[in-house]
Amino acid sequence: MAKTSVIARSKKTPKYSTRIVRRCFRCGRRHGFMRDFGICRICFREMATAGHIPGVKKSSW
């Protein structure tokens, strides 16, 4: 869980476009971020197994 000050800092508009930091909206994590869903890999797995993300299910073969 990221500190609230770090999350607030990342929400500000940066001086340069290359400084954009994308963070998970649930936990604030910046690594392992999935742009399509707007969440990190850990939150994605939790939400997918709970059935909160429509059209996503655990694969098995």
N, C-alpha and C. Protein backbone atom coordinates (compact mmCIF):
# COMPACT_ATOMS: atom_id res chain seq x y z
N MET A 1 0.84 -1.18 0.00
CA MET A 1 0.00 0.00 0.00
C MET A 1 0.88 1.24 0.00
N ALA A 2 0.69 2.08 -0.98
CA ALA A 2 1.48 3.29 -1.11
C ALA A 2 0.98 4.35 -0.13
N LYS A 3 1.89 5.23 0.29
CA LYS A 3 1.50 6.31 1.19
C LYS A 3 0.57 7.27 0.45
N THR A 4 -0.30 7.91 1.19
CA THR A 4 -1.25 8.84 0.57
C THR A 4 -0.54 10.04 -0.05
N SER A 5 0.59 10.44 0.52
CA SER A 5 1.32 11.57 -0.06
C SER A 5 1.92 11.20 -1.42
N VAL A 6 2.37 9.97 -1.58
CA VAL A 6 2.94 9.51 -2.84
C VAL A 6 1.84 9.41 -3.90
N ILE A 7 0.67 8.93 -3.51
CA ILE A 7 -0.46 8.83 -4.43
C ILE A 7 -0.91 10.21 -4.87
N ALA A 8 -0.97 11.16 -3.93
CA ALA A 8 -1.37 12.52 -4.25
C ALA A 8 -0.36 13.17 -5.20
N ARG A 9 0.91 12.91 -4.99
CA ARG A 9 1.96 13.47 -5.85
C ARG A 9 1.85 12.93 -7.28
N SER A 10 1.49 11.66 -7.43
CA SER A 10 1.39 11.07 -8.76
C SER A 10 0.16 11.56 -9.51
N LYS A 11 -0.84 12.06 -8.82
CA LYS A 11 -2.05 12.57 -9.47
C LYS A 11 -1.86 13.96 -10.05
N LYS A 12 -0.84 14.69 -9.59
CA LYS A 12 -0.58 16.03 -10.12
C LYS A 12 -0.08 15.94 -11.56
N THR A 13 -0.38 16.96 -12.35
CA THR A 13 0.09 16.99 -13.73
C THR A 13 1.58 17.24 -13.75
N PRO A 14 2.35 16.33 -14.38
CA PRO A 14 3.80 16.50 -14.38
C PRO A 14 4.25 17.59 -15.36
N LYS A 15 5.47 18.05 -15.14
CA LYS A 15 6.05 19.08 -16.01
C LYS A 15 6.30 18.52 -17.41
N TYR A 16 6.73 17.28 -17.49
CA TYR A 16 6.98 16.62 -18.76
C TYR A 16 6.13 15.36 -18.85
N SER A 17 5.71 15.02 -20.07
CA SER A 17 4.81 13.88 -20.25
C SER A 17 5.47 12.54 -19.93
N THR A 18 6.80 12.48 -19.98
CA THR A 18 7.49 11.22 -19.68
C THR A 18 7.52 10.91 -18.19
N ARG A 19 7.15 11.86 -17.38
CA ARG A 19 7.16 11.66 -15.93
C ARG A 19 5.84 11.13 -15.37
N ILE A 20 4.92 10.77 -16.25
CA ILE A 20 3.63 10.26 -15.79
C ILE A 20 3.84 8.94 -15.08
N VAL A 21 3.27 8.82 -13.89
CA VAL A 21 3.34 7.58 -13.11
C VAL A 21 1.93 7.03 -13.00
N ARG A 22 1.70 5.87 -13.58
CA ARG A 22 0.39 5.24 -13.52
C ARG A 22 0.36 4.33 -12.31
N ARG A 23 -0.67 4.49 -11.49
CA ARG A 23 -0.79 3.72 -10.26
C ARG A 23 -2.14 3.03 -10.20
N CYS A 24 -2.17 1.94 -9.47
CA CYS A 24 -3.41 1.19 -9.22
C CYS A 24 -4.35 2.06 -8.39
N PHE A 25 -5.62 2.10 -8.77
CA PHE A 25 -6.55 2.95 -8.02
C PHE A 25 -6.95 2.32 -6.70
N ARG A 26 -6.75 1.01 -6.54
CA ARG A 26 -7.10 0.36 -5.28
C ARG A 26 -6.01 0.46 -4.23
N CYS A 27 -4.77 0.12 -4.61
CA CYS A 27 -3.70 0.04 -3.61
C CYS A 27 -2.59 1.07 -3.82
N GLY A 28 -2.51 1.68 -5.00
CA GLY A 28 -1.49 2.68 -5.25
C GLY A 28 -0.18 2.12 -5.78
N ARG A 29 -0.14 0.83 -6.07
CA ARG A 29 1.08 0.19 -6.57
C ARG A 29 1.37 0.68 -7.98
N ARG A 30 2.66 0.91 -8.31
CA ARG A 30 3.00 1.39 -9.64
C ARG A 30 3.63 0.32 -10.52
N HIS A 31 4.23 -0.70 -9.95
CA HIS A 31 4.81 -1.78 -10.74
C HIS A 31 3.75 -2.85 -10.99
N GLY A 32 3.83 -3.49 -12.14
CA GLY A 32 2.86 -4.53 -12.48
C GLY A 32 1.50 -3.95 -12.80
N PHE A 33 1.47 -2.74 -13.36
CA PHE A 33 0.23 -2.04 -13.65
C PHE A 33 -0.30 -2.46 -15.01
N MET A 34 -1.60 -2.74 -15.08
CA MET A 34 -2.25 -3.11 -16.34
C MET A 34 -3.10 -1.93 -16.80
N ARG A 35 -2.70 -1.34 -17.92
CA ARG A 35 -3.40 -0.16 -18.42
C ARG A 35 -4.84 -0.45 -18.82
N ASP A 36 -5.09 -1.62 -19.37
CA ASP A 36 -6.44 -1.95 -19.83
C ASP A 36 -7.46 -1.91 -18.70
N PHE A 37 -7.05 -2.27 -17.50
CA PHE A 37 -7.96 -2.34 -16.37
C PHE A 37 -7.74 -1.24 -15.35
N GLY A 38 -6.57 -0.61 -15.36
CA GLY A 38 -6.28 0.46 -14.41
C GLY A 38 -5.91 -0.02 -13.03
N ILE A 39 -5.52 -1.30 -12.92
CA ILE A 39 -5.16 -1.86 -11.62
C ILE A 39 -3.87 -2.67 -11.76
N CYS A 40 -3.26 -2.99 -10.63
CA CYS A 40 -2.03 -3.77 -10.64
C CYS A 40 -2.37 -5.25 -10.77
N ARG A 41 -1.33 -6.06 -10.96
CA ARG A 41 -1.53 -7.49 -11.19
C ARG A 41 -2.11 -8.20 -9.97
N ILE A 42 -1.77 -7.74 -8.78
CA ILE A 42 -2.26 -8.38 -7.56
C ILE A 42 -3.75 -8.11 -7.37
N CYS A 43 -4.15 -6.85 -7.54
CA CYS A 43 -5.56 -6.51 -7.43
C CYS A 43 -6.37 -7.14 -8.56
N PHE A 44 -5.76 -7.24 -9.74
CA PHE A 44 -6.43 -7.89 -10.87
C PHE A 44 -6.75 -9.33 -10.54
N ARG A 45 -5.79 -10.03 -9.98
CA ARG A 45 -6.01 -11.44 -9.63
C ARG A 45 -7.08 -11.59 -8.57
N GLU A 46 -7.06 -10.72 -7.55
CA GLU A 46 -8.06 -10.78 -6.49
C GLU A 46 -9.46 -10.52 -7.04
N MET A 47 -9.58 -9.49 -7.87
CA MET A 47 -10.88 -9.12 -8.41
C MET A 47 -11.39 -10.15 -9.42
N ALA A 48 -10.47 -10.73 -10.20
CA ALA A 48 -10.87 -11.72 -11.20
C ALA A 48 -11.38 -13.00 -10.54
N THR A 49 -10.70 -13.45 -9.50
CA THR A 49 -11.15 -14.67 -8.82
C THR A 49 -12.45 -14.45 -8.06
N ALA A 50 -12.67 -13.21 -7.61
CA ALA A 50 -13.92 -12.90 -6.92
C ALA A 50 -15.06 -12.67 -7.90
N GLY A 51 -14.74 -12.52 -9.21
CA GLY A 51 -15.79 -12.33 -10.21
C GLY A 51 -16.21 -10.89 -10.40
N HIS A 52 -15.38 -9.94 -9.99
CA HIS A 52 -15.72 -8.52 -10.11
C HIS A 52 -15.39 -7.93 -11.47
N ILE A 53 -14.56 -8.63 -12.26
CA ILE A 53 -14.20 -8.16 -13.60
C ILE A 53 -14.94 -9.02 -14.61
N PRO A 54 -15.88 -8.44 -15.35
CA PRO A 54 -16.67 -9.24 -16.28
C PRO A 54 -15.84 -9.73 -17.47
N GLY A 55 -16.06 -10.96 -17.88
CA GLY A 55 -15.40 -11.54 -19.02
C GLY A 55 -14.04 -12.13 -18.73
N VAL A 56 -13.60 -12.13 -17.47
CA VAL A 56 -12.29 -12.67 -17.11
C VAL A 56 -12.51 -13.87 -16.21
N LYS A 57 -11.87 -14.98 -16.56
CA LYS A 57 -11.92 -16.16 -15.69
C LYS A 57 -10.58 -16.85 -15.71
N LYS A 58 -10.32 -17.62 -14.71
CA LYS A 58 -9.04 -18.32 -14.58
C LYS A 58 -8.98 -19.43 -15.64
N SER A 59 -7.88 -19.45 -16.36
CA SER A 59 -7.75 -20.46 -17.41
C SER A 59 -7.30 -21.79 -16.81
N SER A 60 -7.73 -22.86 -17.44
CA SER A 60 -7.29 -24.20 -17.04
C SER A 60 -7.31 -25.07 -18.27
N TRP A 61 -6.27 -25.84 -18.48
CA TRP A 61 -6.20 -26.76 -19.62
C TRP A 61 -5.41 -27.98 -19.29
